[in-house]
Structures are given as C-alpha cells and as structure tokens.
Amino acid sequence: MGGFAESFTVGSALEVDLQALTRGLDMTKGLGNDIWIETDAQEVVNMVENERRGAAQIRNLMMGIRNKLRGCNFKISHIWREGNKVADYLAKQGGSHTHRITFNQDTAPSIVKAMVHMDRLGIPNVRSGVEYDEE
C-alpha cells in the first residue's frame, strides 16, 4: 500500500485529476506491470480508453500518461468517490497541504489504515447525496 496527498496548482478539475493520475503512475514504477486505475472522473476514463488527446492545456499530461502506461497491462474504471473512501479522503487532504505527503503501509495515517481495513472486510459505503465536512 502506498499513497499521497498533494495540492496541485493547475486550472481545472480535469487537470487536477490528470495530474493525480500521473503522480499515482509514478508511484507504481517498479511494482509490476499490472495496474488497475480507479477514478471518480468519468472524463479521465473516457480519455484514456479512447486515446483522446484533449484540449491544448492537457495534451502534455495525456501524452505523459500514455507513455507511463505503455507496456503495462492496465484497466481503468470509473468508481463513485464513496467507493474509494481513501482516495476521496486523500484528495481532500491534498487541498489543505502546501507540500506532498507520501506514505507506505507502515507510515500511513491511522484513518487511512482503518478505511483500507473496512474495505478489505467488504463493509459498504453508501452514497447519500449529502456531503458532510470533516471537523
């Protein structure tokens, strides 16, 4: 297990999602060529699956992602953010930090370890349509 939280200084939500995907792919180097990417951004799924280049401001990101995926056996799928609570939590944390925080299985925050444990137990997350701020 490994992860990160980081604040990205790019324009759109799509650019943030692509930048996060790039960072995640960088973290998988040396861990094998079988990769399953889950994202709550359906547009990212569509762009990767259909090999779309996108608008000018994201073309370099898309080219970098394609280069990182070259030679990999990968799957990309959409998942609601409630289906991946850890990623949702880390995305929110990234917005409140000025530098990147990385961790592994041993150094992960206890809340992340708890969420992963709940996921492994098959405890479902429910999409309620109501957002709650963490206090």
N, C-alpha and C. Protein backbone atom coordinates (compact mmCIF):
# COMPACT_ATOMS: atom_id res chain seq x y z
N MET A 1 0.85 -1.18 0.00
CA MET A 1 0.00 0.00 0.00
C MET A 1 0.89 1.23 0.00
N GLY A 2 0.50 2.18 -0.76
CA GLY A 2 1.20 3.46 -0.79
C GLY A 2 0.22 4.53 -1.23
N GLY A 3 0.50 5.75 -0.90
CA GLY A 3 -0.40 6.82 -1.29
C GLY A 3 0.25 8.17 -1.12
N PHE A 4 -0.50 9.19 -1.50
CA PHE A 4 -0.01 10.56 -1.37
C PHE A 4 -1.18 11.51 -1.26
N ALA A 5 -0.89 12.67 -0.71
CA ALA A 5 -1.83 13.81 -0.71
C ALA A 5 -1.01 15.01 -1.14
N GLU A 6 -1.53 15.76 -2.09
CA GLU A 6 -0.77 16.88 -2.64
C GLU A 6 -1.72 17.93 -3.19
N SER A 7 -1.34 19.17 -3.05
CA SER A 7 -2.10 20.27 -3.63
C SER A 7 -1.52 20.56 -5.01
N PHE A 8 -2.38 20.52 -6.03
CA PHE A 8 -1.94 20.80 -7.38
C PHE A 8 -2.33 22.22 -7.76
N THR A 9 -1.44 22.91 -8.43
CA THR A 9 -1.71 24.30 -8.82
C THR A 9 -1.98 24.38 -10.32
N VAL A 10 -3.02 23.71 -10.74
CA VAL A 10 -3.43 23.74 -12.14
C VAL A 10 -4.85 24.27 -12.21
N GLY A 11 -5.29 24.58 -13.42
CA GLY A 11 -6.55 25.26 -13.59
C GLY A 11 -7.83 24.51 -13.30
N SER A 12 -8.10 23.45 -14.02
CA SER A 12 -9.41 22.81 -13.96
C SER A 12 -9.39 21.54 -13.13
N ALA A 13 -10.58 21.07 -12.79
CA ALA A 13 -10.71 19.80 -12.06
C ALA A 13 -10.15 18.65 -12.90
N LEU A 14 -10.35 18.69 -14.21
CA LEU A 14 -9.81 17.66 -15.09
C LEU A 14 -8.29 17.65 -15.02
N GLU A 15 -7.67 18.82 -15.03
CA GLU A 15 -6.21 18.89 -14.94
C GLU A 15 -5.72 18.32 -13.61
N VAL A 16 -6.43 18.59 -12.53
CA VAL A 16 -6.07 18.05 -11.22
C VAL A 16 -6.16 16.53 -11.25
N ASP A 17 -7.23 16.00 -11.82
CA ASP A 17 -7.39 14.54 -11.91
C ASP A 17 -6.27 13.91 -12.74
N LEU A 18 -5.90 14.54 -13.84
CA LEU A 18 -4.82 14.01 -14.68
C LEU A 18 -3.47 14.11 -13.99
N GLN A 19 -3.25 15.20 -13.26
CA GLN A 19 -2.00 15.35 -12.52
C GLN A 19 -1.91 14.29 -11.42
N ALA A 20 -3.02 14.02 -10.74
CA ALA A 20 -3.04 12.99 -9.70
C ALA A 20 -2.79 11.61 -10.30
N LEU A 21 -3.37 11.35 -11.46
CA LEU A 21 -3.13 10.07 -12.14
C LEU A 21 -1.65 9.94 -12.50
N THR A 22 -1.05 11.00 -12.98
CA THR A 22 0.37 11.00 -13.31
C THR A 22 1.21 10.66 -12.08
N ARG A 23 0.91 11.30 -10.94
CA ARG A 23 1.65 11.02 -9.69
C ARG A 23 1.46 9.57 -9.26
N GLY A 24 0.23 9.10 -9.35
CA GLY A 24 -0.04 7.72 -8.97
C GLY A 24 0.71 6.73 -9.83
N LEU A 25 0.77 6.99 -11.13
CA LEU A 25 1.52 6.11 -12.04
C LEU A 25 3.01 6.16 -11.73
N ASP A 26 3.51 7.34 -11.37
CA ASP A 26 4.92 7.44 -10.99
C ASP A 26 5.21 6.55 -9.78
N MET A 27 4.26 6.48 -8.85
CA MET A 27 4.45 5.69 -7.64
C MET A 27 4.42 4.19 -7.91
N THR A 28 3.84 3.77 -9.03
CA THR A 28 3.76 2.34 -9.33
C THR A 28 5.00 1.80 -10.02
N LYS A 29 5.93 2.68 -10.40
CA LYS A 29 7.15 2.21 -11.07
C LYS A 29 7.84 1.17 -10.21
N GLY A 30 8.22 0.09 -10.85
CA GLY A 30 8.94 -0.97 -10.16
C GLY A 30 8.06 -1.92 -9.37
N LEU A 31 6.75 -1.71 -9.39
CA LEU A 31 5.84 -2.58 -8.64
C LEU A 31 5.16 -3.61 -9.51
N GLY A 32 5.48 -3.63 -10.80
CA GLY A 32 4.87 -4.57 -11.71
C GLY A 32 4.14 -3.84 -12.82
N ASN A 33 3.69 -4.60 -13.80
CA ASN A 33 3.05 -4.01 -14.97
C ASN A 33 1.54 -4.19 -15.00
N ASP A 34 0.96 -4.78 -13.97
CA ASP A 34 -0.48 -4.94 -13.90
C ASP A 34 -1.04 -3.83 -13.02
N ILE A 35 -1.78 -2.92 -13.64
CA ILE A 35 -2.27 -1.74 -12.93
C ILE A 35 -3.77 -1.62 -13.12
N TRP A 36 -4.48 -1.37 -12.03
CA TRP A 36 -5.91 -1.08 -12.09
C TRP A 36 -6.10 0.33 -11.56
N ILE A 37 -6.55 1.20 -12.43
CA ILE A 37 -6.77 2.60 -12.10
C ILE A 37 -8.26 2.79 -11.84
N GLU A 38 -8.60 3.34 -10.69
CA GLU A 38 -9.97 3.71 -10.39
C GLU A 38 -10.01 5.21 -10.20
N THR A 39 -10.97 5.85 -10.83
CA THR A 39 -11.12 7.30 -10.71
C THR A 39 -12.60 7.66 -10.67
N ASP A 40 -12.89 8.75 -9.96
CA ASP A 40 -14.27 9.22 -9.95
C ASP A 40 -14.53 10.19 -11.10
N ALA A 41 -13.54 10.37 -11.97
CA ALA A 41 -13.66 11.27 -13.11
C ALA A 41 -13.93 10.45 -14.38
N GLN A 42 -15.18 10.36 -14.77
CA GLN A 42 -15.55 9.59 -15.97
C GLN A 42 -14.85 10.12 -17.20
N GLU A 43 -14.63 11.43 -17.27
CA GLU A 43 -13.95 12.00 -18.44
C GLU A 43 -12.52 11.47 -18.56
N VAL A 44 -11.84 11.26 -17.45
CA VAL A 44 -10.49 10.69 -17.48
C VAL A 44 -10.55 9.27 -18.03
N VAL A 45 -11.51 8.49 -17.57
CA VAL A 45 -11.68 7.13 -18.08
C VAL A 45 -11.87 7.17 -19.59
N ASN A 46 -12.77 8.02 -20.06
CA ASN A 46 -13.05 8.11 -21.49
C ASN A 46 -11.81 8.52 -22.28
N MET A 47 -11.06 9.47 -21.75
CA MET A 47 -9.88 9.96 -22.47
C MET A 47 -8.82 8.88 -22.57
N VAL A 48 -8.59 8.14 -21.50
CA VAL A 48 -7.57 7.09 -21.52
C VAL A 48 -8.02 5.93 -22.40
N GLU A 49 -9.26 5.49 -22.24
CA GLU A 49 -9.77 4.36 -23.03
C GLU A 49 -9.81 4.66 -24.52
N ASN A 50 -10.22 5.87 -24.86
CA ASN A 50 -10.40 6.23 -26.27
C ASN A 50 -9.18 6.93 -26.87
N GLU A 51 -8.10 6.99 -26.10
CA GLU A 51 -6.86 7.61 -26.54
C GLU A 51 -7.07 9.03 -27.07
N ARG A 52 -7.94 9.77 -26.38
CA ARG A 52 -8.17 11.17 -26.75
C ARG A 52 -7.04 12.04 -26.22
N ARG A 53 -6.70 13.06 -26.97
CA ARG A 53 -5.63 13.96 -26.56
C ARG A 53 -6.14 15.08 -25.68
N GLY A 54 -7.35 15.51 -25.90
CA GLY A 54 -7.92 16.59 -25.11
C GLY A 54 -7.51 17.95 -25.59
N ALA A 55 -7.93 18.96 -24.84
CA ALA A 55 -7.63 20.36 -25.17
C ALA A 55 -6.13 20.62 -25.03
N ALA A 56 -5.68 21.71 -25.60
CA ALA A 56 -4.25 22.03 -25.64
C ALA A 56 -3.60 22.03 -24.26
N GLN A 57 -4.29 22.55 -23.24
CA GLN A 57 -3.68 22.67 -21.92
C GLN A 57 -3.45 21.33 -21.22
N ILE A 58 -4.08 20.24 -21.71
CA ILE A 58 -3.88 18.94 -21.06
C ILE A 58 -3.18 17.92 -21.94
N ARG A 59 -2.82 18.30 -23.15
CA ARG A 59 -2.20 17.34 -24.08
C ARG A 59 -0.90 16.77 -23.54
N ASN A 60 -0.06 17.60 -22.93
CA ASN A 60 1.20 17.09 -22.39
C ASN A 60 0.94 16.09 -21.26
N LEU A 61 -0.06 16.37 -20.43
CA LEU A 61 -0.41 15.43 -19.36
C LEU A 61 -0.86 14.10 -19.95
N MET A 62 -1.72 14.15 -20.96
CA MET A 62 -2.22 12.92 -21.58
C MET A 62 -1.10 12.14 -22.26
N MET A 63 -0.18 12.84 -22.92
CA MET A 63 0.95 12.15 -23.56
C MET A 63 1.81 11.48 -22.49
N GLY A 64 2.04 12.15 -21.38
CA GLY A 64 2.82 11.57 -20.29
C GLY A 64 2.15 10.34 -19.71
N ILE A 65 0.84 10.40 -19.53
CA ILE A 65 0.09 9.25 -19.01
C ILE A 65 0.19 8.08 -19.97
N ARG A 66 0.01 8.34 -21.25
CA ARG A 66 0.11 7.25 -22.24
C ARG A 66 1.50 6.63 -22.24
N ASN A 67 2.53 7.47 -22.11
CA ASN A 67 3.89 6.94 -22.07
C ASN A 67 4.10 6.07 -20.83
N LYS A 68 3.57 6.48 -19.70
CA LYS A 68 3.71 5.70 -18.46
C LYS A 68 2.95 4.37 -18.55
N LEU A 69 1.84 4.35 -19.30
CA LEU A 69 1.04 3.13 -19.43
C LEU A 69 1.55 2.20 -20.53
N ARG A 70 2.44 2.70 -21.38
CA ARG A 70 2.97 1.88 -22.48
C ARG A 70 3.69 0.67 -21.89
N GLY A 71 3.35 -0.51 -22.37
CA GLY A 71 3.97 -1.74 -21.90
C GLY A 71 3.33 -2.30 -20.63
N CYS A 72 2.32 -1.61 -20.12
CA CYS A 72 1.62 -2.09 -18.92
C CYS A 72 0.33 -2.78 -19.31
N ASN A 73 -0.07 -3.73 -18.52
CA ASN A 73 -1.38 -4.34 -18.63
C ASN A 73 -2.27 -3.58 -17.65
N PHE A 74 -3.06 -2.64 -18.16
CA PHE A 74 -3.83 -1.79 -17.26
C PHE A 74 -5.32 -1.85 -17.54
N LYS A 75 -6.05 -1.54 -16.52
CA LYS A 75 -7.50 -1.41 -16.59
C LYS A 75 -7.82 -0.08 -15.94
N ILE A 76 -8.73 0.67 -16.52
CA ILE A 76 -9.17 1.92 -15.91
C ILE A 76 -10.68 1.88 -15.80
N SER A 77 -11.20 2.26 -14.65
CA SER A 77 -12.64 2.21 -14.45
C SER A 77 -13.11 3.37 -13.58
N HIS A 78 -14.36 3.72 -13.79
CA HIS A 78 -14.99 4.76 -13.00
C HIS A 78 -15.52 4.15 -11.71
N ILE A 79 -15.36 4.89 -10.63
CA ILE A 79 -15.92 4.49 -9.35
C ILE A 79 -16.38 5.76 -8.65
N TRP A 80 -17.56 5.71 -8.07
CA TRP A 80 -18.03 6.86 -7.30
C TRP A 80 -17.07 7.10 -6.15
N ARG A 81 -16.92 8.33 -5.73
CA ARG A 81 -15.93 8.61 -4.68
C ARG A 81 -16.24 7.88 -3.39
N GLU A 82 -17.50 7.54 -3.16
CA GLU A 82 -17.83 6.75 -1.97
C GLU A 82 -17.28 5.33 -2.06
N GLY A 83 -17.03 4.88 -3.26
CA GLY A 83 -16.48 3.54 -3.47
C GLY A 83 -14.99 3.45 -3.19
N ASN A 84 -14.33 4.60 -3.11
CA ASN A 84 -12.92 4.64 -2.79
C ASN A 84 -12.70 5.76 -1.78
N LYS A 85 -13.09 5.48 -0.55
CA LYS A 85 -13.04 6.49 0.52
C LYS A 85 -11.62 6.99 0.77
N VAL A 86 -10.64 6.11 0.63
CA VAL A 86 -9.26 6.53 0.88
C VAL A 86 -8.85 7.60 -0.13
N ALA A 87 -9.11 7.36 -1.40
CA ALA A 87 -8.75 8.34 -2.43
C ALA A 87 -9.48 9.65 -2.20
N ASP A 88 -10.75 9.60 -1.84
CA ASP A 88 -11.53 10.80 -1.58
C ASP A 88 -10.95 11.56 -0.39
N TYR A 89 -10.61 10.84 0.66
CA TYR A 89 -10.02 11.46 1.85
C TYR A 89 -8.69 12.14 1.50
N LEU A 90 -7.83 11.43 0.76
CA LEU A 90 -6.53 11.98 0.41
C LEU A 90 -6.65 13.18 -0.52
N ALA A 91 -7.63 13.16 -1.42
CA ALA A 91 -7.85 14.31 -2.30
C ALA A 91 -8.22 15.54 -1.48
N LYS A 92 -9.07 15.36 -0.49
CA LYS A 92 -9.45 16.48 0.37
C LYS A 92 -8.26 16.96 1.20
N GLN A 93 -7.42 16.03 1.67
CA GLN A 93 -6.24 16.39 2.43
C GLN A 93 -5.24 17.16 1.57
N GLY A 94 -5.10 16.74 0.32
CA GLY A 94 -4.16 17.39 -0.58
C GLY A 94 -4.45 18.86 -0.76
N GLY A 95 -5.71 19.21 -0.78
CA GLY A 95 -6.10 20.60 -0.95
C GLY A 95 -5.72 21.48 0.23
N SER A 96 -5.45 20.88 1.38
CA SER A 96 -5.14 21.67 2.57
C SER A 96 -3.66 21.64 2.95
N HIS A 97 -2.81 21.05 2.11
CA HIS A 97 -1.37 20.98 2.39
C HIS A 97 -0.60 21.81 1.37
N THR A 98 0.54 22.31 1.80
CA THR A 98 1.38 23.09 0.88
C THR A 98 2.46 22.23 0.23
N HIS A 99 2.62 20.99 0.69
CA HIS A 99 3.62 20.10 0.11
C HIS A 99 3.04 18.69 0.03
N ARG A 100 3.70 17.86 -0.77
CA ARG A 100 3.23 16.48 -0.95
C ARG A 100 3.54 15.65 0.28
N ILE A 101 2.56 14.84 0.67
CA ILE A 101 2.73 13.88 1.75
C ILE A 101 2.65 12.50 1.12
N THR A 102 3.67 11.68 1.31
CA THR A 102 3.63 10.32 0.79
C THR A 102 3.73 9.36 1.97
N PHE A 103 3.20 8.17 1.76
CA PHE A 103 3.26 7.17 2.82
C PHE A 103 3.24 5.79 2.23
N ASN A 104 3.62 4.83 3.06
CA ASN A 104 3.53 3.43 2.67
C ASN A 104 2.71 2.69 3.72
N GLN A 105 2.69 1.40 3.64
CA GLN A 105 1.87 0.58 4.54
C GLN A 105 2.20 0.86 6.01
N ASP A 106 3.46 1.10 6.31
CA ASP A 106 3.87 1.31 7.70
C ASP A 106 3.62 2.73 8.19
N THR A 107 3.71 3.71 7.29
CA THR A 107 3.63 5.11 7.70
C THR A 107 2.28 5.76 7.38
N ALA A 108 1.33 4.99 6.87
CA ALA A 108 0.01 5.54 6.52
C ALA A 108 -0.68 6.10 7.76
N PRO A 109 -1.42 7.19 7.61
CA PRO A 109 -2.20 7.71 8.74
C PRO A 109 -3.19 6.65 9.23
N SER A 110 -3.47 6.66 10.51
CA SER A 110 -4.35 5.64 11.08
C SER A 110 -5.73 5.63 10.44
N ILE A 111 -6.25 6.79 10.06
CA ILE A 111 -7.57 6.82 9.42
C ILE A 111 -7.52 6.11 8.06
N VAL A 112 -6.42 6.25 7.35
CA VAL A 112 -6.27 5.56 6.06
C VAL A 112 -6.21 4.06 6.28
N LYS A 113 -5.43 3.63 7.26
CA LYS A 113 -5.36 2.20 7.58
C LYS A 113 -6.74 1.66 7.94
N ALA A 114 -7.51 2.43 8.70
CA ALA A 114 -8.85 1.99 9.09
C ALA A 114 -9.77 1.87 7.87
N MET A 115 -9.71 2.83 6.96
CA MET A 115 -10.54 2.77 5.75
C MET A 115 -10.17 1.58 4.89
N VAL A 116 -8.89 1.32 4.75
CA VAL A 116 -8.43 0.16 3.96
C VAL A 116 -8.92 -1.13 4.61
N HIS A 117 -8.83 -1.19 5.93
CA HIS A 117 -9.29 -2.38 6.66
C HIS A 117 -10.80 -2.60 6.44
N MET A 118 -11.58 -1.53 6.52
CA MET A 118 -13.03 -1.64 6.29
C MET A 118 -13.31 -2.12 4.86
N ASP A 119 -12.53 -1.62 3.91
CA ASP A 119 -12.70 -2.04 2.52
C ASP A 119 -12.40 -3.53 2.37
N ARG A 120 -11.33 -3.98 3.01
CA ARG A 120 -10.96 -5.40 2.93
C ARG A 120 -12.02 -6.29 3.56
N LEU A 121 -12.71 -5.77 4.56
CA LEU A 121 -13.78 -6.54 5.21
C LEU A 121 -15.07 -6.54 4.39
N GLY A 122 -15.10 -5.71 3.34
CA GLY A 122 -16.28 -5.65 2.49
C GLY A 122 -17.39 -4.78 3.06
N ILE A 123 -17.04 -3.90 3.99
CA ILE A 123 -18.05 -3.00 4.57
C ILE A 123 -18.39 -1.95 3.52
N PRO A 124 -19.65 -1.87 3.11
CA PRO A 124 -20.02 -0.97 2.02
C PRO A 124 -20.03 0.50 2.43
N ASN A 125 -19.84 1.35 1.45
CA ASN A 125 -20.00 2.80 1.62
C ASN A 125 -21.29 3.17 0.91
N VAL A 126 -22.06 4.02 1.52
CA VAL A 126 -23.36 4.38 0.98
C VAL A 126 -23.32 5.79 0.41
N ARG A 127 -23.83 5.93 -0.79
CA ARG A 127 -23.92 7.25 -1.41
C ARG A 127 -25.25 7.87 -1.00
N SER A 128 -25.18 8.95 -0.21
CA SER A 128 -26.40 9.53 0.34
C SER A 128 -26.85 10.79 -0.36
N GLY A 129 -25.97 11.42 -1.11
CA GLY A 129 -26.31 12.68 -1.75
C GLY A 129 -26.11 13.86 -0.81
N VAL A 130 -25.71 13.61 0.42
CA VAL A 130 -25.45 14.68 1.39
C VAL A 130 -23.96 14.68 1.69
N GLU A 131 -23.35 15.86 1.57
CA GLU A 131 -21.93 15.99 1.89
C GLU A 131 -21.79 16.48 3.32
N TYR A 132 -20.85 15.91 4.03
CA TYR A 132 -20.54 16.34 5.38
C TYR A 132 -19.11 16.81 5.42
N ASP A 133 -18.87 17.95 6.04
CA ASP A 133 -17.50 18.41 6.23
C ASP A 133 -16.87 17.70 7.38
N GLU A 134 -15.58 17.38 7.24
CA GLU A 134 -14.86 16.76 8.35
C GLU A 134 -14.46 17.85 9.31
N GLU A 135 -14.70 17.65 10.55
CA GLU A 135 -14.36 18.64 11.59
C GLU A 135 -13.31 18.06 12.47
